[in-house]
C-alpha atoms as a PDB file:
ATOM      1  CA  UNK A   1      72.547 118.478 -54.828  1.00  0.00           C
ATOM      2  CA  UNK A   2      74.015 119.931 -52.241  1.00  0.00           C
ATOM      3  CA  UNK A   3      77.965 121.603 -52.468  1.00  0.00           C
ATOM      4  CA  UNK A   4      80.295 121.080 -49.732  1.00  0.00           C
ATOM      5  CA  UNK A   5      82.510 123.775 -48.787  1.00  0.00           C
ATOM      6  CA  UNK A   6      86.080 124.120 -48.889  1.00  0.00           C
ATOM      7  CA  UNK A   7      86.280 123.480 -45.266  1.00  0.00           C
ATOM      8  CA  UNK A   8      84.482 119.736 -45.757  1.00  0.00           C
ATOM      9  CA  UNK A   9      85.961 119.034 -48.282  1.00  0.00           C
ATOM     10  CA  UNK A  10      89.511 119.313 -46.460  1.00  0.00           C
ATOM     11  CA  UNK A  11      88.571 117.313 -43.478  1.00  0.00           C
ATOM     12  CA  UNK A  12      87.611 114.672 -45.886  1.00  0.00           C
ATOM     13  CA  UNK A  13      90.416 115.522 -47.306  1.00  0.00           C
ATOM     14  CA  UNK A  14      92.402 114.752 -44.043  1.00  0.00           C
ATOM     15  CA  UNK A  15      90.555 111.386 -42.853  1.00  0.00           C
ATOM     16  CA  UNK A  16      91.331 110.216 -46.155  1.00  0.00           C
ATOM     17  CA  UNK A  17      95.082 110.645 -46.265  1.00  0.00           C
ATOM     18  CA  UNK A  18      95.160 109.395 -42.827  1.00  0.00           C
ATOM     19  CA  UNK A  19      93.409 106.471 -43.679  1.00  0.00           C
ATOM     20  CA  UNK A  20      96.266 105.893 -46.904  1.00  0.00           C
ATOM     21  CA  UNK A  21      98.642 106.866 -44.563  1.00  0.00           C
ATOM     22  CA  UNK A  22      97.384 103.700 -42.096  1.00  0.00           C
ATOM     23  CA  UNK A  23      97.611 101.530 -44.581  1.00  0.00           C
ATOM     24  CA  UNK A  24     100.939 102.719 -46.195  1.00  0.00           C
ATOM     25  CA  UNK A  25     102.721 102.513 -42.814  1.00  0.00           C
ATOM     26  CA  UNK A  26     100.891  98.646 -42.108  1.00  0.00           C
ATOM     27  CA  UNK A  27     102.416  97.827 -45.508  1.00  0.00           C
ATOM     28  CA  UNK A  28     105.978  99.017 -44.745  1.00  0.00           C
ATOM     29  CA  UNK A  29     105.667  97.584 -41.397  1.00  0.00           C
ATOM     30  CA  UNK A  30     104.949  94.308 -42.634  1.00  0.00           C
ATOM     31  CA  UNK A  31     107.585  94.138 -45.475  1.00  0.00           C
ATOM     32  CA  UNK A  32     110.510  95.670 -42.838  1.00  0.00           C
ATOM     33  CA  UNK A  33     109.285  92.345 -40.151  1.00  0.00           C
ATOM     34  CA  UNK A  34     109.512  90.109 -43.512  1.00  0.00           C
ATOM     35  CA  UNK A  35     112.868  91.233 -43.893  1.00  0.00           C
ATOM     36  CA  UNK A  36     114.045  90.997 -40.739  1.00  0.00           C
ATOM     37  CA  UNK A  37     112.704  88.194 -40.470  1.00  0.00           C
ATOM     38  CA  UNK A  38     114.517  86.759 -43.643  1.00  0.00           C
ATOM     39  CA  UNK A  39     118.094  87.709 -41.425  1.00  0.00           C
ATOM     40  CA  UNK A  40     117.191  86.493 -38.501  1.00  0.00           C
ATOM     41  CA  UNK A  41     116.753  82.763 -40.630  1.00  0.00           C
ATOM     42  CA  UNK A  42     120.165  83.269 -42.010  1.00  0.00           C
ATOM     43  CA  UNK A  43     121.500  83.128 -38.979  1.00  0.00           C
ATOM     44  CA  UNK A  44     121.774  86.726 -38.510  1.00  0.00           C
ATOM     45  CA  UNK A  45     120.770  88.532 -35.056  1.00  0.00           C
ATOM     46  CA  UNK A  46     118.594  91.597 -36.193  1.00  0.00           C
ATOM     47  CA  UNK A  47     115.317  93.220 -34.272  1.00  0.00           C
ATOM     48  CA  UNK A  48     112.927  95.984 -35.899  1.00  0.00           C
ATOM     49  CA  UNK A  49     112.468  99.153 -32.827  1.00  0.00           C
ATOM     50  CA  UNK A  50     110.278 101.917 -33.111  1.00  0.00           C
ATOM     51  CA  UNK A  51     110.788 105.113 -31.846  1.00  0.00           C
ATOM     52  CA  UNK A  52     114.052 107.343 -30.908  1.00  0.00           C
ATOM     53  CA  UNK A  53     116.564 105.412 -29.361  1.00  0.00           C
ATOM     54  CA  UNK A  54     117.075 106.029 -25.967  1.00  0.00           C
ATOM     55  CA  UNK A  55     119.233 109.068 -24.763  1.00  0.00           C
ATOM     56  CA  UNK A  56     122.074 106.919 -23.058  1.00  0.00           C
ATOM     57  CA  UNK A  57     123.117 105.196 -25.677  1.00  0.00           C
ATOM     58  CA  UNK A  58     126.539 106.388 -27.080  1.00  0.00           C
ATOM     59  CA  UNK A  59     127.803 103.617 -29.010  1.00  0.00           C
ATOM     60  CA  UNK A  60     127.088 105.239 -32.912  1.00  0.00           C
ATOM     61  CA  UNK A  61     128.738 108.356 -32.167  1.00  0.00           C
ATOM     62  CA  UNK A  62     131.788 106.137 -31.395  1.00  0.00           C
ATOM     63  CA  UNK A  63     131.722 104.226 -34.153  1.00  0.00           C
ATOM     64  CA  UNK A  64     130.791 106.779 -36.030  1.00  0.00           C
ATOM     65  CA  UNK A  65     133.526 109.185 -34.769  1.00  0.00           C
ATOM     66  CA  UNK A  66     136.168 105.951 -34.903  1.00  0.00           C
ATOM     67  CA  UNK A  67     135.455 105.027 -38.555  1.00  0.00           C
ATOM     68  CA  UNK A  68     136.344 108.679 -39.085  1.00  0.00           C
ATOM     69  CA  UNK A  69     139.430 108.746 -37.103  1.00  0.00           C
ATOM     70  CA  UNK A  70     140.142 105.582 -38.430  1.00  0.00           C
ATOM     71  CA  UNK A  71     140.201 107.036 -42.454  1.00  0.00           C
ATOM     72  CA  UNK A  72     141.907 110.323 -40.687  1.00  0.00           C
ATOM     73  CA  UNK A  73     144.838 108.261 -40.097  1.00  0.00           C
ATOM     74  CA  UNK A  74     145.106 106.304 -43.380  1.00  0.00           C
ATOM     75  CA  UNK A  75     145.164 109.335 -45.217  1.00  0.00           C
ATOM     76  CA  UNK A  76     148.107 110.231 -42.856  1.00  0.00           C
ATOM     77  CA  UNK A  77     150.288 106.779 -43.902  1.00  0.00           C
ATOM     78  CA  UNK A  78     153.375 108.000 -46.850  1.00  0.00           C
ATOM     79  CA  UNK A  79     152.335 106.926 -50.405  1.00  0.00           C
END
């Protein structure tokens, strides 16, 4: 019986982890895709996008700022 060195065992575990990670990613992507398809079937327009948002897209920040401004405005209303 040949004993594996610590380095060999670590390499084996790294390969196993990579395989499990790929499998988990595939399963999660399948569920997410199905969820988007369900939303689209309801007449909503959704899409699944991979990666970061484009650098020039500032709409998310503006929406958050607007929401914060509305909250601040509501706090100033006389009670």
